C-alpha atoms as a PDB file:
ATOM      1  CA  MET A   1      19.155 -13.601 -43.651  1.00  0.00           C
ATOM      2  CA  ARG A   2      15.763 -12.591 -44.993  1.00  0.00           C
ATOM      3  CA  SER A   3      12.815 -13.010 -42.607  1.00  0.00           C
ATOM      4  CA  PHE A   4       9.141 -13.583 -43.400  1.00  0.00           C
ATOM      5  CA  PRO A   5       7.206 -12.183 -40.416  1.00  0.00           C
ATOM      6  CA  ASP A   6       3.797 -12.933 -41.954  1.00  0.00           C
ATOM      7  CA  VAL A   7       4.389 -16.659 -42.570  1.00  0.00           C
ATOM      8  CA  ASN A   8       2.414 -18.349 -39.808  1.00  0.00           C
ATOM      9  CA  LEU A   9       2.077 -21.987 -38.860  1.00  0.00           C
ATOM     10  CA  ARG A  10      -1.352 -22.316 -40.478  1.00  0.00           C
ATOM     11  CA  ALA A  11      -0.005 -21.108 -43.838  1.00  0.00           C
ATOM     12  CA  LEU A  12       2.739 -23.734 -43.680  1.00  0.00           C
ATOM     13  CA  ARG A  13       0.199 -26.459 -42.931  1.00  0.00           C
ATOM     14  CA  TYR A  14      -1.888 -25.320 -45.903  1.00  0.00           C
ATOM     15  CA  PHE A  15       1.176 -25.438 -48.178  1.00  0.00           C
ATOM     16  CA  GLU A  16       2.140 -28.895 -46.910  1.00  0.00           C
ATOM     17  CA  ALA A  17      -1.384 -30.249 -47.463  1.00  0.00           C
ATOM     18  CA  LEU A  18      -1.648 -28.914 -51.018  1.00  0.00           C
ATOM     19  CA  GLY A  19       1.934 -29.950 -51.770  1.00  0.00           C
ATOM     20  CA  THR A  20       1.051 -33.491 -50.707  1.00  0.00           C
ATOM     21  CA  GLU A  21      -2.373 -33.792 -52.360  1.00  0.00           C
ATOM     22  CA  LEU A  22      -1.745 -31.610 -55.453  1.00  0.00           C
ATOM     23  CA  ASN A  23      -5.506 -31.201 -55.536  1.00  0.00           C
ATOM     24  CA  TYR A  24      -7.364 -28.243 -54.056  1.00  0.00           C
ATOM     25  CA  ARG A  25     -10.531 -30.170 -53.263  1.00  0.00           C
ATOM     26  CA  ARG A  26      -8.769 -33.003 -51.424  1.00  0.00           C
ATOM     27  CA  ALA A  27      -6.428 -30.627 -49.594  1.00  0.00           C
ATOM     28  CA  ALA A  28      -9.323 -28.383 -48.525  1.00  0.00           C
ATOM     29  CA  GLU A  29     -11.277 -31.389 -47.256  1.00  0.00           C
ATOM     30  CA  LYS A  30      -8.207 -32.575 -45.332  1.00  0.00           C
ATOM     31  CA  LEU A  31      -7.907 -29.125 -43.729  1.00  0.00           C
ATOM     32  CA  PHE A  32     -11.672 -28.673 -43.164  1.00  0.00           C
ATOM     33  CA  ILE A  33     -11.720 -25.404 -45.102  1.00  0.00           C
ATOM     34  CA  THR A  34     -13.221 -24.276 -48.391  1.00  0.00           C
ATOM     35  CA  GLN A  35     -11.313 -24.406 -51.672  1.00  0.00           C
ATOM     36  CA  PRO A  36     -11.499 -20.591 -52.111  1.00  0.00           C
ATOM     37  CA  ALA A  37     -10.065 -20.122 -48.603  1.00  0.00           C
ATOM     38  CA  LEU A  38      -7.186 -22.485 -49.398  1.00  0.00           C
ATOM     39  CA  SER A  39      -6.517 -20.807 -52.741  1.00  0.00           C
ATOM     40  CA  SER A  40      -6.455 -17.362 -51.115  1.00  0.00           C
ATOM     41  CA  ALA A  41      -4.099 -18.563 -48.360  1.00  0.00           C
ATOM     42  CA  ILE A  42      -1.669 -20.080 -50.889  1.00  0.00           C
ATOM     43  CA  GLN A  43      -1.684 -16.890 -52.963  1.00  0.00           C
ATOM     44  CA  ASN A  44      -0.951 -14.837 -49.835  1.00  0.00           C
ATOM     45  CA  LEU A  45       1.915 -17.172 -48.943  1.00  0.00           C
ATOM     46  CA  GLU A  46       3.374 -16.859 -52.436  1.00  0.00           C
ATOM     47  CA  ARG A  47       3.195 -13.064 -52.244  1.00  0.00           C
ATOM     48  CA  THR A  48       4.894 -13.138 -48.854  1.00  0.00           C
ATOM     49  CA  ILE A  49       7.852 -15.283 -49.935  1.00  0.00           C
ATOM     50  CA  GLY A  50       8.087 -13.599 -53.340  1.00  0.00           C
ATOM     51  CA  ASP A  51       7.842 -16.649 -55.583  1.00  0.00           C
ATOM     52  CA  ARG A  52       5.292 -19.107 -56.934  1.00  0.00           C
ATOM     53  CA  LEU A  53       4.967 -22.439 -55.148  1.00  0.00           C
ATOM     54  CA  PHE A  54       2.530 -24.100 -57.556  1.00  0.00           C
ATOM     55  CA  ASP A  55       1.859 -24.164 -61.277  1.00  0.00           C
ATOM     56  CA  ARG A  56      -1.904 -24.470 -61.672  1.00  0.00           C
ATOM     57  CA  ASP A  57      -4.471 -24.438 -64.427  1.00  0.00           C
ATOM     58  CA  THR A  58      -8.058 -25.626 -64.695  1.00  0.00           C
ATOM     59  CA  ARG A  59      -6.973 -29.273 -64.857  1.00  0.00           C
ATOM     60  CA  SER A  60      -3.899 -29.761 -62.703  1.00  0.00           C
ATOM     61  CA  VAL A  61      -1.751 -28.522 -59.823  1.00  0.00           C
ATOM     62  CA  ALA A  62       2.025 -29.061 -59.716  1.00  0.00           C
ATOM     63  CA  LEU A  63       4.809 -27.857 -57.482  1.00  0.00           C
ATOM     64  CA  THR A  64       7.237 -25.346 -58.931  1.00  0.00           C
ATOM     65  CA  ALA A  65      10.965 -25.832 -58.465  1.00  0.00           C
ATOM     66  CA  THR A  66      10.784 -23.582 -55.399  1.00  0.00           C
ATOM     67  CA  GLY A  67       7.840 -25.532 -54.043  1.00  0.00           C
ATOM     68  CA  ARG A  68       9.573 -28.890 -54.529  1.00  0.00           C
ATOM     69  CA  GLU A  69      12.735 -27.698 -52.815  1.00  0.00           C
ATOM     70  CA  TRP A  70      10.899 -26.027 -49.922  1.00  0.00           C
ATOM     71  CA  LEU A  71       8.341 -28.749 -49.132  1.00  0.00           C
ATOM     72  CA  PRO A  72      10.776 -31.106 -47.278  1.00  0.00           C
ATOM     73  CA  HIS A  73      11.934 -28.191 -45.113  1.00  0.00           C
ATOM     74  CA  VAL A  74       8.340 -27.300 -44.261  1.00  0.00           C
ATOM     75  CA  ARG A  75       7.502 -30.895 -43.405  1.00  0.00           C
ATOM     76  CA  LYS A  76      10.544 -31.082 -41.126  1.00  0.00           C
ATOM     77  CA  ALA A  77       9.590 -27.788 -39.431  1.00  0.00           C
ATOM     78  CA  LEU A  78       5.994 -28.908 -38.850  1.00  0.00           C
ATOM     79  CA  ALA A  79       7.175 -32.215 -37.380  1.00  0.00           C
ATOM     80  CA  GLU A  80       9.453 -30.314 -34.982  1.00  0.00           C
ATOM     81  CA  VAL A  81       6.597 -27.982 -33.970  1.00  0.00           C
ATOM     82  CA  ASP A  82       4.264 -30.927 -33.339  1.00  0.00           C
ATOM     83  CA  SER A  83       6.970 -32.621 -31.273  1.00  0.00           C
ATOM     84  CA  ALA A  84       7.529 -29.448 -29.239  1.00  0.00           C
ATOM     85  CA  LEU A  85       3.801 -29.055 -28.570  1.00  0.00           C
ATOM     86  CA  GLU A  86       3.561 -32.680 -27.507  1.00  0.00           C
ATOM     87  CA  ALA A  87       6.476 -32.204 -25.123  1.00  0.00           C
ATOM     88  CA  VAL A  88       5.052 -29.116 -23.481  1.00  0.00           C
ATOM     89  CA  ALA A  89       1.654 -30.794 -23.133  1.00  0.00           C
ATOM     90  CA  MET A  90       3.305 -33.642 -21.249  1.00  0.00           C
ATOM     91  CA  LEU A  91       5.252 -31.208 -19.068  1.00  0.00           C
ATOM     92  CA  VAL A  92       2.255 -29.047 -18.188  1.00  0.00           C
ATOM     93  CA  ASP A  93      -0.208 -31.921 -17.851  1.00  0.00           C
ATOM     94  CA  TYR A  94      -3.261 -29.815 -16.998  1.00  0.00           C
ATOM     95  CA  SER A  95      -5.857 -31.798 -15.098  1.00  0.00           C
ATOM     96  CA  HIS A  96      -8.850 -29.652 -16.105  1.00  0.00           C
ATOM     97  CA  VAL A  97     -10.545 -30.494 -19.419  1.00  0.00           C
ATOM     98  CA  ARG A  98     -13.346 -28.439 -20.940  1.00  0.00           C
ATOM     99  CA  LEU A  99     -15.773 -30.526 -22.990  1.00  0.00           C
ATOM    100  CA  GLY A 100     -18.379 -28.755 -25.098  1.00  0.00           C
ATOM    101  CA  TYR A 101     -21.348 -30.523 -26.624  1.00  0.00           C
ATOM    102  CA  LEU A 102     -23.966 -29.393 -29.095  1.00  0.00           C
ATOM    103  CA  ILE A 103     -27.494 -29.322 -27.760  1.00  0.00           C
ATOM    104  CA  GLY A 104     -29.218 -32.621 -28.551  1.00  0.00           C
ATOM    105  CA  THR A 105     -26.031 -34.691 -28.322  1.00  0.00           C
ATOM    106  CA  GLY A 106     -25.781 -34.612 -24.535  1.00  0.00           C
ATOM    107  CA  ALA A 107     -29.066 -36.308 -23.725  1.00  0.00           C
ATOM    108  CA  ASP A 108     -27.654 -39.827 -23.931  1.00  0.00           C
ATOM    109  CA  LEU A 109     -24.638 -40.012 -26.262  1.00  0.00           C
ATOM    110  CA  LEU A 110     -22.437 -37.865 -24.027  1.00  0.00           C
ATOM    111  CA  PHE A 111     -23.206 -40.087 -21.037  1.00  0.00           C
ATOM    112  CA  GLN A 112     -22.211 -43.187 -23.022  1.00  0.00           C
ATOM    113  CA  LEU A 113     -18.920 -41.631 -24.113  1.00  0.00           C
ATOM    114  CA  LEU A 114     -18.064 -40.566 -20.564  1.00  0.00           C
ATOM    115  CA  ASP A 115     -19.066 -43.849 -18.970  1.00  0.00           C
ATOM    116  CA  SER A 116     -16.720 -44.788 -16.089  1.00  0.00           C
ATOM    117  CA  VAL A 117     -14.469 -41.796 -16.812  1.00  0.00           C
ATOM    118  CA  GLU A 118     -14.338 -40.764 -13.137  1.00  0.00           C
ATOM    119  CA  ARG A 119     -13.030 -44.198 -12.192  1.00  0.00           C
ATOM    120  CA  VAL A 120     -10.520 -44.400 -15.055  1.00  0.00           C
ATOM    121  CA  PHE A 121      -9.224 -40.821 -14.648  1.00  0.00           C
ATOM    122  CA  PRO A 122      -9.757 -39.778 -11.028  1.00  0.00           C
ATOM    123  CA  ASP A 123      -7.114 -37.062 -11.477  1.00  0.00           C
ATOM    124  CA  ILE A 124      -8.939 -35.291 -14.328  1.00  0.00           C
ATOM    125  CA  THR A 125     -11.679 -32.721 -13.736  1.00  0.00           C
ATOM    126  CA  ILE A 126     -14.099 -32.551 -16.654  1.00  0.00           C
ATOM    127  CA  GLU A 127     -16.194 -29.435 -17.179  1.00  0.00           C
ATOM    128  CA  THR A 128     -19.095 -30.039 -19.598  1.00  0.00           C
ATOM    129  CA  VAL A 129     -20.798 -27.103 -21.308  1.00  0.00           C
ATOM    130  CA  GLU A 130     -23.852 -27.234 -23.590  1.00  0.00           C
ATOM    131  CA  TYR A 131     -23.895 -25.049 -26.730  1.00  0.00           C
ATOM    132  CA  ASP A 132     -26.879 -24.109 -28.854  1.00  0.00           C
ATOM    133  CA  PHE A 133     -27.080 -23.660 -32.621  1.00  0.00           C
ATOM    134  CA  SER A 134     -25.468 -20.213 -32.505  1.00  0.00           C
ATOM    135  CA  ASP A 135     -22.130 -22.019 -32.042  1.00  0.00           C
ATOM    136  CA  PRO A 136     -22.288 -25.483 -33.648  1.00  0.00           C
ATOM    137  CA  THR A 137     -18.540 -25.891 -32.972  1.00  0.00           C
ATOM    138  CA  ALA A 138     -19.458 -26.225 -29.256  1.00  0.00           C
ATOM    139  CA  GLY A 139     -16.759 -23.785 -28.202  1.00  0.00           C
ATOM    140  CA  LEU A 140     -13.969 -25.383 -30.224  1.00  0.00           C
ATOM    141  CA  ALA A 141     -13.536 -22.535 -32.717  1.00  0.00           C
ATOM    142  CA  SER A 142     -13.153 -19.883 -30.010  1.00  0.00           C
ATOM    143  CA  GLY A 143     -10.927 -22.032 -27.796  1.00  0.00           C
ATOM    144  CA  ALA A 144     -13.502 -22.027 -24.997  1.00  0.00           C
ATOM    145  CA  THR A 145     -13.460 -25.843 -25.019  1.00  0.00           C
ATOM    146  CA  ASP A 146     -10.719 -28.455 -25.474  1.00  0.00           C
ATOM    147  CA  ILE A 147     -12.929 -31.197 -26.914  1.00  0.00           C
ATOM    148  CA  ALA A 148     -16.322 -30.939 -28.600  1.00  0.00           C
ATOM    149  CA  LEU A 149     -19.154 -33.338 -29.337  1.00  0.00           C
ATOM    150  CA  LEU A 150     -20.757 -31.866 -32.444  1.00  0.00           C
ATOM    151  CA  ARG A 151     -22.423 -32.487 -35.781  1.00  0.00           C
ATOM    152  CA  PRO A 152     -20.266 -31.600 -38.818  1.00  0.00           C
ATOM    153  CA  PRO A 153     -19.827 -29.617 -40.965  1.00  0.00           C
ATOM    154  CA  VAL A 154     -18.404 -26.791 -38.844  1.00  0.00           C
ATOM    155  CA  ASP A 155     -15.921 -24.000 -39.526  1.00  0.00           C
ATOM    156  CA  VAL A 156     -12.795 -24.940 -37.558  1.00  0.00           C
ATOM    157  CA  PRO A 157      -9.819 -25.042 -39.974  1.00  0.00           C
ATOM    158  CA  ASP A 158      -7.301 -26.979 -37.842  1.00  0.00           C
ATOM    159  CA  MET A 159      -9.794 -29.442 -36.386  1.00  0.00           C
ATOM    160  CA  GLU A 160      -9.515 -33.218 -36.273  1.00  0.00           C
ATOM    161  CA  LEU A 161     -12.541 -35.395 -35.622  1.00  0.00           C
ATOM    162  CA  ALA A 162     -13.738 -38.964 -35.227  1.00  0.00           C
ATOM    163  CA  ILE A 163     -17.255 -40.114 -36.080  1.00  0.00           C
ATOM    164  CA  VAL A 164     -19.110 -41.678 -33.144  1.00  0.00           C
ATOM    165  CA  ALA A 165     -22.713 -41.866 -34.422  1.00  0.00           C
ATOM    166  CA  GLU A 166     -24.708 -41.835 -37.645  1.00  0.00           C
ATOM    167  CA  GLU A 167     -28.272 -40.651 -38.137  1.00  0.00           C
ATOM    168  CA  THR A 168     -30.739 -40.063 -40.931  1.00  0.00           C
ATOM    169  CA  TRP A 169     -32.508 -36.824 -41.834  1.00  0.00           C
ATOM    170  CA  VAL A 170     -36.123 -36.203 -40.859  1.00  0.00           C
ATOM    171  CA  ALA A 171     -38.531 -33.369 -41.555  1.00  0.00           C
ATOM    172  CA  CYS A 172     -40.195 -31.777 -38.549  1.00  0.00           C
ATOM    173  CA  LEU A 173     -43.658 -30.665 -39.715  1.00  0.00           C
ATOM    174  CA  PRO A 174     -46.737 -29.096 -38.090  1.00  0.00           C
ATOM    175  CA  ARG A 175     -49.218 -31.895 -37.451  1.00  0.00           C
ATOM    176  CA  ALA A 176     -51.765 -30.175 -39.716  1.00  0.00           C
ATOM    177  CA  HIS A 177     -49.311 -29.988 -42.631  1.00  0.00           C
ATOM    178  CA  PRO A 178     -50.542 -31.814 -45.785  1.00  0.00           C
ATOM    179  CA  LEU A 179     -47.346 -33.926 -45.857  1.00  0.00           C
ATOM    180  CA  ALA A 180     -47.364 -34.878 -42.172  1.00  0.00           C
ATOM    181  CA  GLY A 181     -49.200 -38.143 -42.812  1.00  0.00           C
ATOM    182  CA  ARG A 182     -46.613 -39.500 -45.248  1.00  0.00           C
ATOM    183  CA  THR A 183     -44.334 -42.377 -44.257  1.00  0.00           C
ATOM    184  CA  GLU A 184     -41.364 -40.749 -46.000  1.00  0.00           C
ATOM    185  CA  LEU A 185     -40.517 -37.733 -48.135  1.00  0.00           C
ATOM    186  CA  ARG A 186     -37.945 -36.631 -50.676  1.00  0.00           C
ATOM    187  CA  ILE A 187     -36.026 -33.419 -50.085  1.00  0.00           C
ATOM    188  CA  GLU A 188     -37.338 -31.926 -53.349  1.00  0.00           C
ATOM    189  CA  GLU A 189     -40.879 -31.964 -51.952  1.00  0.00           C
ATOM    190  CA  LEU A 190     -39.884 -29.640 -49.112  1.00  0.00           C
ATOM    191  CA  LEU A 191     -37.611 -27.006 -50.658  1.00  0.00           C
ATOM    192  CA  ASP A 192     -40.380 -24.480 -51.381  1.00  0.00           C
ATOM    193  CA  GLU A 193     -41.693 -24.623 -47.820  1.00  0.00           C
ATOM    194  CA  PRO A 194     -40.955 -21.879 -45.240  1.00  0.00           C
ATOM    195  CA  ILE A 195     -38.219 -23.205 -42.952  1.00  0.00           C
ATOM    196  CA  VAL A 196     -36.951 -22.552 -39.431  1.00  0.00           C
ATOM    197  CA  VAL A 197     -33.145 -22.230 -39.501  1.00  0.00           C
ATOM    198  CA  ALA A 198     -30.208 -21.754 -37.139  1.00  0.00           C
ATOM    199  CA  PRO A 199     -28.841 -18.245 -36.440  1.00  0.00           C
ATOM    200  CA  LYS A 200     -26.493 -16.706 -39.025  1.00  0.00           C
ATOM    201  CA  SER A 201     -23.536 -17.214 -36.669  1.00  0.00           C
ATOM    202  CA  ALA A 202     -23.816 -20.962 -37.363  1.00  0.00           C
ATOM    203  CA  GLY A 203     -22.267 -20.318 -40.802  1.00  0.00           C
ATOM    204  CA  ARG A 204     -21.827 -23.396 -42.965  1.00  0.00           C
ATOM    205  CA  TRP A 205     -23.716 -25.523 -40.437  1.00  0.00           C
ATOM    206  CA  ARG A 206     -26.849 -23.413 -40.977  1.00  0.00           C
ATOM    207  CA  GLU A 207     -26.560 -23.868 -44.751  1.00  0.00           C
ATOM    208  CA  TYR A 208     -26.118 -27.617 -44.345  1.00  0.00           C
ATOM    209  CA  TRP A 209     -29.299 -27.896 -42.259  1.00  0.00           C
ATOM    210  CA  TYR A 210     -31.458 -25.990 -44.710  1.00  0.00           C
ATOM    211  CA  ALA A 211     -30.117 -28.283 -47.490  1.00  0.00           C
ATOM    212  CA  ALA A 212     -28.365 -25.561 -49.477  1.00  0.00           C
ATOM    213  CA  ASP A 213     -26.700 -28.214 -51.643  1.00  0.00           C
ATOM    214  CA  ALA A 214     -30.100 -29.389 -52.930  1.00  0.00           C
ATOM    215  CA  ARG A 215     -31.456 -25.933 -53.802  1.00  0.00           C
ATOM    216  CA  GLY A 216     -29.463 -25.215 -56.947  1.00  0.00           C
ATOM    217  CA  GLY A 217     -28.503 -21.760 -55.733  1.00  0.00           C
ATOM    218  CA  LYS A 218     -32.075 -20.763 -54.895  1.00  0.00           C
ATOM    219  CA  PRO A 219     -32.283 -19.288 -51.367  1.00  0.00           C
ATOM    220  CA  PRO A 220     -34.632 -20.862 -48.824  1.00  0.00           C
ATOM    221  CA  ILE A 221     -37.772 -19.179 -47.575  1.00  0.00           C
ATOM    222  CA  ILE A 222     -36.606 -18.457 -44.029  1.00  0.00           C
ATOM    223  CA  ALA A 223     -39.608 -18.257 -41.714  1.00  0.00           C
ATOM    224  CA  ALA A 224     -37.705 -17.805 -38.442  1.00  0.00           C
ATOM    225  CA  GLU A 225     -34.422 -18.492 -36.659  1.00  0.00           C
ATOM    226  CA  ALA A 226     -34.052 -20.748 -33.625  1.00  0.00           C
ATOM    227  CA  ALA A 227     -30.995 -21.508 -31.502  1.00  0.00           C
ATOM    228  CA  THR A 228     -32.425 -24.510 -29.608  1.00  0.00           C
ATOM    229  CA  TYR A 229     -34.572 -27.540 -30.373  1.00  0.00           C
ATOM    230  CA  GLU A 230     -37.164 -26.237 -27.906  1.00  0.00           C
ATOM    231  CA  ALA A 231     -37.491 -22.989 -29.853  1.00  0.00           C
ATOM    232  CA  GLU A 232     -37.410 -24.818 -33.179  1.00  0.00           C
ATOM    233  CA  THR A 233     -40.146 -27.306 -32.354  1.00  0.00           C
ATOM    234  CA  THR A 234     -42.310 -24.588 -30.797  1.00  0.00           C
ATOM    235  CA  LEU A 235     -42.123 -22.540 -34.009  1.00  0.00           C
ATOM    236  CA  VAL A 236     -42.934 -25.631 -36.091  1.00  0.00           C
ATOM    237  CA  ALA A 237     -45.883 -26.519 -33.831  1.00  0.00           C
ATOM    238  CA  ARG A 238     -47.236 -22.988 -34.322  1.00  0.00           C
ATOM    239  CA  GLY A 239     -47.154 -23.500 -38.084  1.00  0.00           C
ATOM    240  CA  VAL A 240     -44.460 -20.884 -38.709  1.00  0.00           C
ATOM    241  CA  GLY A 241     -42.475 -23.290 -40.869  1.00  0.00           C
ATOM    242  CA  LEU A 242     -40.942 -26.746 -41.037  1.00  0.00           C
ATOM    243  CA  SER A 243     -37.390 -27.755 -40.128  1.00  0.00           C
ATOM    244  CA  PHE A 244     -34.849 -30.435 -41.008  1.00  0.00           C
ATOM    245  CA  THR A 245     -33.238 -32.386 -38.192  1.00  0.00           C
ATOM    246  CA  THR A 246     -31.822 -35.769 -37.199  1.00  0.00           C
ATOM    247  CA  SER A 247     -33.607 -39.015 -36.424  1.00  0.00           C
ATOM    248  CA  SER A 248     -32.660 -38.973 -32.729  1.00  0.00           C
ATOM    249  CA  MET A 249     -34.831 -35.882 -32.283  1.00  0.00           C
ATOM    250  CA  VAL A 250     -37.886 -38.056 -32.941  1.00  0.00           C
ATOM    251  CA  ARG A 251     -37.169 -39.760 -29.641  1.00  0.00           C
ATOM    252  CA  LEU A 252     -35.841 -36.789 -27.699  1.00  0.00           C
ATOM    253  CA  TYR A 253     -38.113 -33.932 -28.744  1.00  0.00           C
ATOM    254  CA  ASP A 254     -41.425 -35.409 -29.906  1.00  0.00           C
ATOM    255  CA  ARG A 255     -44.384 -33.413 -28.580  1.00  0.00           C
ATOM    256  CA  PRO A 256     -47.968 -32.409 -29.456  1.00  0.00           C
ATOM    257  CA  GLY A 257     -48.290 -30.187 -32.505  1.00  0.00           C
ATOM    258  CA  ILE A 258     -45.462 -31.642 -34.588  1.00  0.00           C
ATOM    259  CA  HIS A 259     -44.839 -34.732 -36.672  1.00  0.00           C
ATOM    260  CA  PHE A 260     -41.554 -36.205 -37.885  1.00  0.00           C
ATOM    261  CA  VAL A 261     -41.277 -37.771 -41.350  1.00  0.00           C
ATOM    262  CA  PRO A 262     -38.070 -39.457 -42.635  1.00  0.00           C
ATOM    263  CA  ILE A 263     -36.381 -37.883 -45.672  1.00  0.00           C
ATOM    264  CA  SER A 264     -35.314 -40.719 -47.942  1.00  0.00           C
ATOM    265  CA  ASN A 265     -32.721 -39.093 -50.198  1.00  0.00           C
ATOM    266  CA  ARG A 266     -30.408 -37.157 -47.886  1.00  0.00           C
ATOM    267  CA  PRO A 267     -26.868 -38.222 -46.923  1.00  0.00           C
ATOM    268  CA  VAL A 268     -26.158 -39.589 -43.471  1.00  0.00           C
ATOM    269  CA  SER A 269     -25.705 -37.034 -40.673  1.00  0.00           C
ATOM    270  CA  TYR A 270     -22.754 -37.667 -38.368  1.00  0.00           C
ATOM    271  CA  THR A 271     -22.002 -36.902 -34.755  1.00  0.00           C
ATOM    272  CA  ALA A 272     -18.294 -36.570 -34.006  1.00  0.00           C
ATOM    273  CA  ILE A 273     -15.771 -35.981 -31.262  1.00  0.00           C
ATOM    274  CA  ALA A 274     -13.611 -33.060 -32.395  1.00  0.00           C
ATOM    275  CA  TRP A 275     -10.462 -31.400 -31.128  1.00  0.00           C
ATOM    276  CA  ARG A 276      -7.634 -29.083 -32.222  1.00  0.00           C
ATOM    277  CA  PRO A 277      -4.384 -31.088 -32.019  1.00  0.00           C
ATOM    278  CA  GLU A 278      -2.119 -28.104 -31.411  1.00  0.00           C
ATOM    279  CA  ARG A 279      -4.144 -27.130 -28.318  1.00  0.00           C
ATOM    280  CA  LEU A 280      -4.750 -30.552 -26.833  1.00  0.00           C
ATOM    281  CA  THR A 281      -3.183 -31.163 -23.421  1.00  0.00           C
ATOM    282  CA  THR A 282      -2.168 -34.635 -22.287  1.00  0.00           C
ATOM    283  CA  PRO A 283      -5.266 -35.125 -20.059  1.00  0.00           C
ATOM    284  CA  ALA A 284      -7.522 -33.942 -22.902  1.00  0.00           C
ATOM    285  CA  ARG A 285      -5.843 -36.391 -25.263  1.00  0.00           C
ATOM    286  CA  ARG A 286      -6.356 -39.200 -22.756  1.00  0.00           C
ATOM    287  CA  LEU A 287     -10.024 -38.267 -22.517  1.00  0.00           C
ATOM    288  CA  VAL A 288     -10.389 -38.262 -26.320  1.00  0.00           C
ATOM    289  CA  GLU A 289      -8.880 -41.758 -26.454  1.00  0.00           C
ATOM    290  CA  HIS A 290     -11.283 -42.942 -23.728  1.00  0.00           C
ATOM    291  CA  MET A 291     -14.309 -41.502 -25.558  1.00  0.00           C
ATOM    292  CA  LEU A 292     -13.231 -43.104 -28.831  1.00  0.00           C
ATOM    293  CA  SER A 293     -12.827 -46.437 -27.090  1.00  0.00           C
ATOM    294  CA  SER A 294     -16.307 -46.099 -25.581  1.00  0.00           C
ATOM    295  CA  SER A 295     -17.819 -45.271 -28.969  1.00  0.00           C
ATOM    296  CA  GLN A 296     -16.242 -48.332 -30.587  1.00  0.00           C
ATOM    297  CA  GLN A 297     -17.618 -50.631 -27.894  1.00  0.00           C
ATOM    298  CA  GLU A 298     -21.184 -49.447 -28.478  1.00  0.00           C
ATOM    299  CA  ARG A 299     -21.643 -47.128 -31.405  1.00  0.00           C
ATOM    300  CA  PRO A 300     -25.055 -45.471 -31.124  1.00  0.00           C
ATOM    301  CA  THR A 301     -27.244 -45.082 -34.202  1.00  0.00           C
ATOM    302  CA  ASP A 302     -30.794 -43.898 -34.821  1.00  0.00           C
END
């Protein structure tokens, strides 16, 4: 019997997602990866098994005969793997859960989500760890945490998440800036300004927060990098550059030397509870369910 040593579980999940959606964009969004990354993974899988799985052109994606025949087997295998992981999680039943949160989300939202958790789960020990902008996944990508409170988008391919808060975009400007007295701004008015950004390790999250999608391929004028809101607002107050942030920062980080102005034409920013299903223990899953229940009872917005 021929073996395929390089076919890993992630590749099978990618094949199953594309085989179900038959659309690279939708499948990539479902997997929280980019379309090029999905395309490359599928091509590698096809090379490994020695046959094409999809017929694709610029307009459509369709399963080949091999793909159609193999997809039910892959779905069955993934279901068995998920069942096995669930079983071992219940058997091990670790009582220690590591919860990471992105700086700025722990000031009040984290407390709301963990309200009464000690009473509900006296047998679970929760370790909370704050992460700065250098790791916007709050430890989830590296496996340092089991659950994360973060602001998408982040680069964690096998992540699942649930939205718990929505916020609007604001510009953080030096008080002496000519636009600081406005009641609101459009993103186009700010794209030529020097900007304070997250470290390069933040990846796609850094690009999101300097509004790469609105720049038409033109790179930003990066004035400085900052890994915390304290560093960011200090640089802005000094006049080094402006920054883009969320509306809750108006309440949490307002200080002399800076002024916040709403940006009217940016999409909503979300805060989410995120986890990696294949690594979630039973206590961690119970904690996720508790946090989701708490968020539904009182969903915070700014």
